[in-house]
C-alpha atoms as a PDB file:
ATOM      1  CA  MET A   1       0.009   0.026   0.036  1.00  0.00           C
ATOM      2  CA  LEU A   2       1.348   3.449  -0.876  1.00  0.00           C
ATOM      3  CA  SER A   3       1.692   6.048   1.761  1.00  0.00           C
ATOM      4  CA  LYS A   4      -0.287   9.123   1.549  1.00  0.00           C
ATOM      5  CA  ASN A   5       2.909  11.274   1.303  1.00  0.00           C
ATOM      6  CA  LYS A   6       4.161   9.115  -1.576  1.00  0.00           C
ATOM      7  CA  ILE A   7       0.825   9.661  -3.491  1.00  0.00           C
ATOM      8  CA  LYS A   8       0.929  13.295  -2.796  1.00  0.00           C
ATOM      9  CA  GLN A   9       4.472  13.574  -4.172  1.00  0.00           C
ATOM     10  CA  LEU A  10       3.451  11.759  -7.311  1.00  0.00           C
ATOM     11  CA  ARG A  11       0.428  13.832  -7.712  1.00  0.00           C
ATOM     12  CA  LEU A  12       2.413  16.963  -7.442  1.00  0.00           C
ATOM     13  CA  LEU A  13       4.419  15.767 -10.521  1.00  0.00           C
ATOM     14  CA  HIS A  14       1.351  16.569 -12.539  1.00  0.00           C
ATOM     15  CA  LEU A  15       2.266  20.377 -12.041  1.00  0.00           C
ATOM     16  CA  LYS A  16       4.925  21.869 -14.129  1.00  0.00           C
ATOM     17  CA  LYS A  17       6.745  23.708 -11.300  1.00  0.00           C
ATOM     18  CA  PHE A  18       7.144  20.455  -9.306  1.00  0.00           C
ATOM     19  CA  ARG A  19       8.342  18.526 -12.315  1.00  0.00           C
ATOM     20  CA  ARG A  20      11.062  21.183 -12.771  1.00  0.00           C
ATOM     21  CA  SER A  21      12.115  21.158  -9.189  1.00  0.00           C
ATOM     22  CA  GLU A  22      12.228  17.500  -8.831  1.00  0.00           C
ATOM     23  CA  GLY A  23      13.497  16.691 -12.355  1.00  0.00           C
ATOM     24  CA  LEU A  24      10.971  13.887 -12.736  1.00  0.00           C
ATOM     25  CA  PHE A  25       7.676  13.327 -14.811  1.00  0.00           C
ATOM     26  CA  VAL A  26       4.933  10.678 -14.513  1.00  0.00           C
ATOM     27  CA  ALA A  27       4.192   7.866 -17.122  1.00  0.00           C
ATOM     28  CA  GLU A  28       1.112   5.866 -16.918  1.00  0.00           C
ATOM     29  CA  GLY A  29       0.021   2.607 -18.438  1.00  0.00           C
ATOM     30  CA  GLN A  30       1.697  -0.698 -19.664  1.00  0.00           C
ATOM     31  CA  LYS A  31       2.494   0.445 -23.109  1.00  0.00           C
ATOM     32  CA  LEU A  32       4.140   3.701 -22.150  1.00  0.00           C
ATOM     33  CA  VAL A  33       5.931   2.388 -19.056  1.00  0.00           C
ATOM     34  CA  PHE A  34       7.286  -0.618 -20.582  1.00  0.00           C
ATOM     35  CA  ASP A  35       8.532   1.453 -23.693  1.00  0.00           C
ATOM     36  CA  LEU A  36      10.349   3.814 -21.313  1.00  0.00           C
ATOM     37  CA  LEU A  37      11.882   0.853 -19.445  1.00  0.00           C
ATOM     38  CA  ASP A  38      13.221  -0.596 -22.707  1.00  0.00           C
ATOM     39  CA  SER A  39      14.435   2.789 -23.933  1.00  0.00           C
ATOM     40  CA  GLY A  40      17.267   3.431 -21.712  1.00  0.00           C
ATOM     41  CA  MET A  41      15.566   6.399 -19.944  1.00  0.00           C
ATOM     42  CA  LYS A  42      16.125   6.673 -16.314  1.00  0.00           C
ATOM     43  CA  VAL A  43      13.067   5.247 -14.573  1.00  0.00           C
ATOM     44  CA  ARG A  44      13.121   6.208 -10.949  1.00  0.00           C
ATOM     45  CA  GLU A  45      10.385   4.051  -9.431  1.00  0.00           C
ATOM     46  CA  VAL A  46       7.608   1.858 -10.669  1.00  0.00           C
ATOM     47  CA  PHE A  47       4.246   1.380  -8.928  1.00  0.00           C
ATOM     48  CA  CYS A  48       2.184  -1.595 -10.109  1.00  0.00           C
ATOM     49  CA  SER A  49      -0.215  -4.241  -9.328  1.00  0.00           C
ATOM     50  CA  PRO A  50       1.394  -7.387  -7.850  1.00  0.00           C
ATOM     51  CA  GLU A  51       0.686  -9.241 -11.208  1.00  0.00           C
ATOM     52  CA  LEU A  52       3.112  -7.018 -12.998  1.00  0.00           C
ATOM     53  CA  ILE A  53       6.076  -7.074 -10.715  1.00  0.00           C
ATOM     54  CA  THR A  54       7.646 -10.107 -12.425  1.00  0.00           C
ATOM     55  CA  THR A  55       7.325  -8.570 -15.839  1.00  0.00           C
ATOM     56  CA  VAL A  56       9.005  -5.313 -14.641  1.00  0.00           C
ATOM     57  CA  GLU A  57      11.802  -7.344 -12.958  1.00  0.00           C
ATOM     58  CA  LYS A  58      12.508  -9.253 -16.286  1.00  0.00           C
ATOM     59  CA  LYS A  59      13.209  -5.875 -17.910  1.00  0.00           C
ATOM     60  CA  GLY A  60      16.221  -5.582 -15.595  1.00  0.00           C
ATOM     61  CA  PHE A  61      14.657  -2.904 -13.347  1.00  0.00           C
ATOM     62  CA  ASN A  62      15.975  -2.801  -9.769  1.00  0.00           C
ATOM     63  CA  PRO A  63      13.421  -4.777  -7.654  1.00  0.00           C
ATOM     64  CA  LYS A  64      14.043  -2.310  -4.747  1.00  0.00           C
ATOM     65  CA  ASN A  65      12.452   0.430  -6.753  1.00  0.00           C
ATOM     66  CA  ILE A  66       9.287  -1.693  -7.564  1.00  0.00           C
ATOM     67  CA  HIS A  67       6.285  -0.875  -5.371  1.00  0.00           C
ATOM     68  CA  SER A  68       3.337  -3.305  -5.154  1.00  0.00           C
ATOM     69  CA  SER A  69       0.270  -1.053  -5.324  1.00  0.00           C
ATOM     70  CA  GLN A  70      -3.418  -1.475  -5.207  1.00  0.00           C
ATOM     71  CA  LEU A  71      -5.581  -0.048  -7.950  1.00  0.00           C
ATOM     72  CA  VAL A  72      -7.313   2.342  -5.502  1.00  0.00           C
ATOM     73  CA  ASP A  73      -3.993   3.864  -4.770  1.00  0.00           C
ATOM     74  CA  LEU A  74      -2.876   4.108  -8.516  1.00  0.00           C
ATOM     75  CA  LYS A  75      -6.339   5.719  -9.232  1.00  0.00           C
ATOM     76  CA  LYS A  76      -5.485   8.546  -6.822  1.00  0.00           C
ATOM     77  CA  ILE A  77      -2.280   9.293  -8.725  1.00  0.00           C
ATOM     78  CA  SER A  78      -3.516   8.824 -12.221  1.00  0.00           C
ATOM     79  CA  GLN A  79      -5.103  11.503 -14.455  1.00  0.00           C
ATOM     80  CA  LEU A  80      -6.494   8.966 -16.860  1.00  0.00           C
ATOM     81  CA  LYS A  81     -10.227   8.136 -16.946  1.00  0.00           C
ATOM     82  CA  SER A  82      -9.532   4.426 -16.380  1.00  0.00           C
ATOM     83  CA  ALA A  83      -6.855   3.918 -13.710  1.00  0.00           C
ATOM     84  CA  PRO A  84      -3.820   2.055 -15.032  1.00  0.00           C
ATOM     85  CA  ASP A  85      -2.190  -0.915 -13.340  1.00  0.00           C
ATOM     86  CA  ILE A  86       1.268   0.638 -13.578  1.00  0.00           C
ATOM     87  CA  ILE A  87       2.739   4.064 -13.046  1.00  0.00           C
ATOM     88  CA  ALA A  88       6.342   5.090 -13.076  1.00  0.00           C
ATOM     89  CA  SER A  89       8.312   8.231 -12.148  1.00  0.00           C
ATOM     90  CA  VAL A  90      10.915   9.030 -14.815  1.00  0.00           C
ATOM     91  CA  GLN A  91      13.915  11.338 -14.723  1.00  0.00           C
ATOM     92  CA  ILE A  92      13.779  14.231 -17.066  1.00  0.00           C
ATOM     93  CA  PRO A  93      16.665  13.903 -19.518  1.00  0.00           C
ATOM     94  CA  GLU A  94      18.906  16.806 -20.533  1.00  0.00           C
ATOM     95  CA  HIS A  95      19.470  17.178 -24.234  1.00  0.00           C
ATOM     96  CA  SER A  96      22.100  19.328 -25.901  1.00  0.00           C
ATOM     97  CA  LEU A  97      21.270  21.221 -29.032  1.00  0.00           C
ATOM     98  CA  SER A  98      23.414  20.019 -31.907  1.00  0.00           C
ATOM     99  CA  TRP A  99      23.358  22.376 -34.862  1.00  0.00           C
ATOM    100  CA  GLU A 100      25.371  19.884 -36.957  1.00  0.00           C
ATOM    101  CA  GLU A 101      22.669  17.359 -36.592  1.00  0.00           C
ATOM    102  CA  ILE A 102      19.900  19.839 -37.252  1.00  0.00           C
ATOM    103  CA  ALA A 103      21.670  21.103 -40.410  1.00  0.00           C
ATOM    104  CA  GLY A 104      22.001  17.584 -41.880  1.00  0.00           C
ATOM    105  CA  ASP A 105      18.408  16.386 -41.494  1.00  0.00           C
ATOM    106  CA  LEU A 106      14.781  17.549 -41.109  1.00  0.00           C
ATOM    107  CA  CYS A 107      13.748  19.277 -37.962  1.00  0.00           C
ATOM    108  CA  LEU A 108      10.377  20.643 -36.687  1.00  0.00           C
ATOM    109  CA  ALA A 109      10.014  24.003 -35.034  1.00  0.00           C
ATOM    110  CA  LEU A 110       6.811  24.850 -33.042  1.00  0.00           C
ATOM    111  CA  ASP A 111       5.578  28.319 -32.567  1.00  0.00           C
ATOM    112  CA  GLY A 112       3.328  28.451 -29.536  1.00  0.00           C
ATOM    113  CA  ILE A 113       1.639  25.044 -29.581  1.00  0.00           C
ATOM    114  CA  GLN A 114      -0.801  25.130 -26.658  1.00  0.00           C
ATOM    115  CA  ASP A 115      -2.751  21.751 -26.746  1.00  0.00           C
ATOM    116  CA  PRO A 116      -0.937  18.880 -24.973  1.00  0.00           C
ATOM    117  CA  GLY A 117      -2.491  16.330 -27.302  1.00  0.00           C
ATOM    118  CA  ASN A 118      -1.362  18.204 -30.349  1.00  0.00           C
ATOM    119  CA  LEU A 119       2.274  18.250 -29.001  1.00  0.00           C
ATOM    120  CA  GLY A 120       2.227  14.552 -28.129  1.00  0.00           C
ATOM    121  CA  THR A 121       0.917  13.570 -31.416  1.00  0.00           C
ATOM    122  CA  ILE A 122       3.597  15.834 -33.306  1.00  0.00           C
ATOM    123  CA  ILE A 123       6.313  14.067 -31.229  1.00  0.00           C
ATOM    124  CA  ARG A 124       4.824  10.739 -32.182  1.00  0.00           C
ATOM    125  CA  LEU A 125       4.768  11.682 -36.030  1.00  0.00           C
ATOM    126  CA  ALA A 126       8.336  13.080 -35.782  1.00  0.00           C
ATOM    127  CA  ASP A 127       9.452   9.666 -34.453  1.00  0.00           C
ATOM    128  CA  TRP A 128       7.634   7.884 -37.320  1.00  0.00           C
ATOM    129  CA  PHE A 129       9.307  10.122 -39.876  1.00  0.00           C
ATOM    130  CA  GLY A 130      12.746   9.896 -38.380  1.00  0.00           C
ATOM    131  CA  ILE A 131      12.975  13.500 -37.140  1.00  0.00           C
ATOM    132  CA  GLN A 132      15.032  13.646 -34.002  1.00  0.00           C
ATOM    133  CA  HIS A 133      14.927  17.258 -33.017  1.00  0.00           C
ATOM    134  CA  ILE A 134      12.109  19.665 -32.399  1.00  0.00           C
ATOM    135  CA  LEU A 135      12.784  23.377 -31.509  1.00  0.00           C
ATOM    136  CA  CYS A 136       9.997  25.036 -29.354  1.00  0.00           C
ATOM    137  CA  SER A 137       9.130  28.489 -28.558  1.00  0.00           C
ATOM    138  CA  GLU A 138       9.205  29.152 -24.814  1.00  0.00           C
ATOM    139  CA  ASP A 139       5.445  29.402 -24.706  1.00  0.00           C
ATOM    140  CA  THR A 140       4.923  25.920 -26.255  1.00  0.00           C
ATOM    141  CA  VAL A 141       3.032  23.634 -23.881  1.00  0.00           C
ATOM    142  CA  ASP A 142       5.517  21.540 -21.605  1.00  0.00           C
ATOM    143  CA  LEU A 143       6.692  18.294 -23.016  1.00  0.00           C
ATOM    144  CA  TYR A 144       6.218  16.531 -19.699  1.00  0.00           C
ATOM    145  CA  ASN A 145       2.533  17.510 -19.270  1.00  0.00           C
ATOM    146  CA  PRO A 146       0.821  14.312 -18.474  1.00  0.00           C
ATOM    147  CA  LYS A 147      -1.486  14.560 -21.390  1.00  0.00           C
ATOM    148  CA  THR A 148       1.492  15.205 -23.756  1.00  0.00           C
ATOM    149  CA  VAL A 149       3.472  12.355 -22.316  1.00  0.00           C
ATOM    150  CA  GLN A 150       0.489   9.891 -22.824  1.00  0.00           C
ATOM    151  CA  ALA A 151      -0.115  11.051 -26.460  1.00  0.00           C
ATOM    152  CA  THR A 152       3.512  10.440 -27.480  1.00  0.00           C
ATOM    153  CA  MET A 153       2.941   6.706 -26.961  1.00  0.00           C
ATOM    154  CA  GLY A 154       6.520   6.140 -25.959  1.00  0.00           C
ATOM    155  CA  ALA A 155       8.088   8.438 -28.769  1.00  0.00           C
ATOM    156  CA  ILE A 156       9.132  10.846 -25.960  1.00  0.00           C
ATOM    157  CA  ALA A 157      12.154   8.468 -25.347  1.00  0.00           C
ATOM    158  CA  ARG A 158      13.548   9.053 -28.763  1.00  0.00           C
ATOM    159  CA  ILE A 159      12.815  12.794 -29.718  1.00  0.00           C
ATOM    160  CA  LYS A 160      14.848  15.634 -28.474  1.00  0.00           C
ATOM    161  CA  LEU A 161      12.893  18.860 -27.659  1.00  0.00           C
ATOM    162  CA  HIS A 162      14.702  22.180 -27.177  1.00  0.00           C
ATOM    163  CA  TYR A 163      12.787  25.107 -25.656  1.00  0.00           C
ATOM    164  CA  GLY A 164      14.116  28.683 -26.257  1.00  0.00           C
ATOM    165  CA  ASN A 165      13.790  31.821 -28.305  1.00  0.00           C
ATOM    166  CA  LEU A 166      12.376  30.581 -31.563  1.00  0.00           C
ATOM    167  CA  PRO A 167      13.331  33.781 -33.679  1.00  0.00           C
ATOM    168  CA  ASP A 168      16.923  33.287 -32.383  1.00  0.00           C
ATOM    169  CA  TYR A 169      16.924  29.640 -33.473  1.00  0.00           C
ATOM    170  CA  LEU A 170      15.667  30.503 -36.903  1.00  0.00           C
ATOM    171  CA  GLN A 171      18.154  33.380 -37.365  1.00  0.00           C
ATOM    172  CA  ARG A 172      20.942  31.023 -36.500  1.00  0.00           C
ATOM    173  CA  ALA A 173      19.590  28.563 -39.097  1.00  0.00           C
ATOM    174  CA  ASN A 174      19.414  31.303 -41.761  1.00  0.00           C
ATOM    175  CA  GLU A 175      22.918  32.249 -40.969  1.00  0.00           C
ATOM    176  CA  MET A 176      24.144  28.617 -41.391  1.00  0.00           C
ATOM    177  CA  GLY A 177      22.214  28.322 -44.772  1.00  0.00           C
ATOM    178  CA  ILE A 178      19.742  25.772 -43.431  1.00  0.00           C
ATOM    179  CA  PRO A 179      16.503  26.014 -45.456  1.00  0.00           C
ATOM    180  CA  VAL A 180      13.488  27.320 -43.177  1.00  0.00           C
ATOM    181  CA  TYR A 181       9.885  26.429 -44.270  1.00  0.00           C
ATOM    182  CA  GLY A 182       6.653  27.372 -42.782  1.00  0.00           C
ATOM    183  CA  THR A 183       3.065  26.554 -43.559  1.00  0.00           C
ATOM    184  CA  PHE A 184       0.799  29.383 -44.645  1.00  0.00           C
ATOM    185  CA  LEU A 185      -2.566  29.675 -46.406  1.00  0.00           C
ATOM    186  CA  GLU A 186      -0.793  31.995 -49.105  1.00  0.00           C
ATOM    187  CA  GLY A 187       2.227  29.567 -49.421  1.00  0.00           C
ATOM    188  CA  GLU A 188       3.281  27.671 -52.545  1.00  0.00           C
ATOM    189  CA  ASN A 189       1.543  24.337 -53.167  1.00  0.00           C
ATOM    190  CA  ILE A 190       3.619  21.763 -51.255  1.00  0.00           C
ATOM    191  CA  TYR A 191       3.057  19.109 -53.882  1.00  0.00           C
ATOM    192  CA  SER A 192       4.832  21.318 -56.521  1.00  0.00           C
ATOM    193  CA  ALA A 193       7.089  23.337 -54.427  1.00  0.00           C
ATOM    194  CA  PRO A 194      10.837  22.448 -54.369  1.00  0.00           C
ATOM    195  CA  LEU A 195      11.675  20.795 -50.989  1.00  0.00           C
ATOM    196  CA  SER A 196      15.061  19.954 -49.685  1.00  0.00           C
ATOM    197  CA  PRO A 197      15.998  16.867 -47.816  1.00  0.00           C
ATOM    198  CA  ASN A 198      17.109  18.936 -44.838  1.00  0.00           C
ATOM    199  CA  GLY A 199      15.774  22.070 -43.241  1.00  0.00           C
ATOM    200  CA  ILE A 200      13.513  23.458 -40.492  1.00  0.00           C
ATOM    201  CA  ILE A 201       9.684  23.184 -40.736  1.00  0.00           C
ATOM    202  CA  VAL A 202       7.883  25.709 -38.638  1.00  0.00           C
ATOM    203  CA  MET A 203       4.332  24.906 -37.504  1.00  0.00           C
ATOM    204  CA  GLY A 204       2.194  27.646 -35.960  1.00  0.00           C
ATOM    205  CA  ASN A 205      -0.131  28.141 -33.062  1.00  0.00           C
ATOM    206  CA  GLU A 206      -3.498  26.398 -33.198  1.00  0.00           C
ATOM    207  CA  GLY A 207      -5.460  29.665 -33.366  1.00  0.00           C
ATOM    208  CA  LYS A 208      -2.925  32.399 -34.437  1.00  0.00           C
ATOM    209  CA  GLY A 209      -0.725  30.452 -36.886  1.00  0.00           C
ATOM    210  CA  ILE A 210       2.808  31.508 -37.238  1.00  0.00           C
ATOM    211  CA  LEU A 211       3.484  34.739 -35.324  1.00  0.00           C
ATOM    212  CA  GLY A 212       4.714  37.957 -36.739  1.00  0.00           C
ATOM    213  CA  SER A 213       8.101  37.702 -34.998  1.00  0.00           C
ATOM    214  CA  VAL A 214       8.744  34.529 -36.686  1.00  0.00           C
ATOM    215  CA  GLU A 215       7.346  34.910 -40.207  1.00  0.00           C
ATOM    216  CA  PRO A 216      10.096  37.225 -41.481  1.00  0.00           C
ATOM    217  CA  LEU A 217      12.667  34.549 -40.733  1.00  0.00           C
ATOM    218  CA  ILE A 218      10.793  31.866 -42.920  1.00  0.00           C
ATOM    219  CA  ARG A 219      12.451  31.749 -46.438  1.00  0.00           C
ATOM    220  CA  HIS A 220      10.082  29.184 -47.976  1.00  0.00           C
ATOM    221  CA  LYS A 221       6.311  29.481 -47.488  1.00  0.00           C
ATOM    222  CA  ILE A 222       4.336  26.282 -48.281  1.00  0.00           C
ATOM    223  CA  HIS A 223       0.637  25.485 -48.340  1.00  0.00           C
ATOM    224  CA  ILE A 224      -1.350  22.316 -48.087  1.00  0.00           C
ATOM    225  CA  PRO A 225      -4.092  22.757 -50.787  1.00  0.00           C
ATOM    226  CA  ASN A 226      -7.731  21.494 -50.151  1.00  0.00           C
ATOM    227  CA  PHE A 227      -9.272  19.328 -52.868  1.00  0.00           C
ATOM    228  CA  PRO A 228     -10.863  20.313 -55.120  1.00  0.00           C
ATOM    229  CA  ALA A 229      -9.574  23.905 -55.041  1.00  0.00           C
ATOM    230  CA  ASN A 230     -13.039  25.588 -55.668  1.00  0.00           C
ATOM    231  CA  ARG A 231     -14.897  23.553 -53.130  1.00  0.00           C
ATOM    232  CA  LYS A 232     -16.016  25.100 -49.803  1.00  0.00           C
ATOM    233  CA  THR A 233     -14.243  23.310 -47.017  1.00  0.00           C
ATOM    234  CA  SER A 234     -12.972  23.609 -43.500  1.00  0.00           C
ATOM    235  CA  GLU A 235     -11.081  26.784 -42.559  1.00  0.00           C
ATOM    236  CA  SER A 236      -7.877  25.013 -41.691  1.00  0.00           C
ATOM    237  CA  LEU A 237      -6.312  21.778 -40.716  1.00  0.00           C
ATOM    238  CA  ASN A 238      -5.387  20.841 -37.115  1.00  0.00           C
ATOM    239  CA  VAL A 239      -1.770  21.600 -36.547  1.00  0.00           C
ATOM    240  CA  ALA A 240      -0.781  17.960 -35.851  1.00  0.00           C
ATOM    241  CA  MET A 241      -2.629  16.911 -39.097  1.00  0.00           C
ATOM    242  CA  ALA A 242      -0.833  19.527 -41.030  1.00  0.00           C
ATOM    243  CA  ALA A 243       2.489  18.564 -39.665  1.00  0.00           C
ATOM    244  CA  SER A 244       1.867  14.902 -40.560  1.00  0.00           C
ATOM    245  CA  ILE A 245       1.107  15.789 -44.205  1.00  0.00           C
ATOM    246  CA  THR A 246       4.011  18.132 -44.563  1.00  0.00           C
ATOM    247  CA  CYS A 247       6.618  15.609 -43.130  1.00  0.00           C
ATOM    248  CA  SER A 248       5.122  12.966 -45.176  1.00  0.00           C
ATOM    249  CA  GLU A 249       5.650  14.895 -48.348  1.00  0.00           C
ATOM    250  CA  PHE A 250       9.224  15.987 -47.396  1.00  0.00           C
ATOM    251  CA  ARG A 251      10.111  12.347 -46.703  1.00  0.00           C
ATOM    252  CA  ARG A 252       8.316  11.131 -49.909  1.00  0.00           C
ATOM    253  CA  ARG A 253      10.654  13.283 -51.982  1.00  0.00           C
ATOM    254  CA  MET A 254      13.522  11.435 -50.340  1.00  0.00           C
ATOM    255  CA  THR A 255      12.233   7.952 -51.267  1.00  0.00           C
ATOM    256  CA  PRO A 256      13.978   6.464 -54.246  1.00  0.00           C
ATOM    257  CA  ARG A 257      11.402   5.563 -57.041  1.00  0.00           C
ATOM    258  CA  LYS A 258      11.462   2.035 -58.222  1.00  0.00           C
ATOM    259  CA  PRO A 259      12.254   1.661 -61.913  1.00  0.00           C
END
């Protein structure tokens, strides 16, 4: 049985300021926790039903840091609608920003993404398309928000996010000759526009799009057209959907065609 103090400590990790002070975040559910255990991330403690203890031990996790827990206690910690049978506290990793790596491949840049689910989905699709780095404006939602962590489905272990001054990042990219792309309604059709195998793709805020401080630093404006062009349709795409389409087209250009 978990103590009231331990339950309180874990619940506090749902708040950003406590995650920062403790250097920990919470992961919930078998899929996510097992992925993190397999990934090499530093899992601090695991709290699970008695039936899962052997499975966790087989993954090489220190038995001293496995705590047999009742579902009623896990429910007090969890933010999911259905309480999971396993929860873990995980150390927040420190990632260094490598401009050499960014210059040689595709990278995403997020300008004020606010929805945790959108950020988690974007991280997941970045993992799918082999994009290792994401540059985030300082007002982008926290990576370790519980809803974001859950939406990554384990991709959080493989993608490096860097929070900072986005205009400064893009200015540096321009100085290095790294192509900077951005999605706009008035941009060039993405399916006919020239696209490079490397570069930074900027995705804007859910409601405001790419902000005025960032737009002048974008050298290549691209647009995802609706079909057919003259048909009345939705005002815009969800940012995670737009990111998926954009990344897919960039990677498609890199795929060798069979003779």
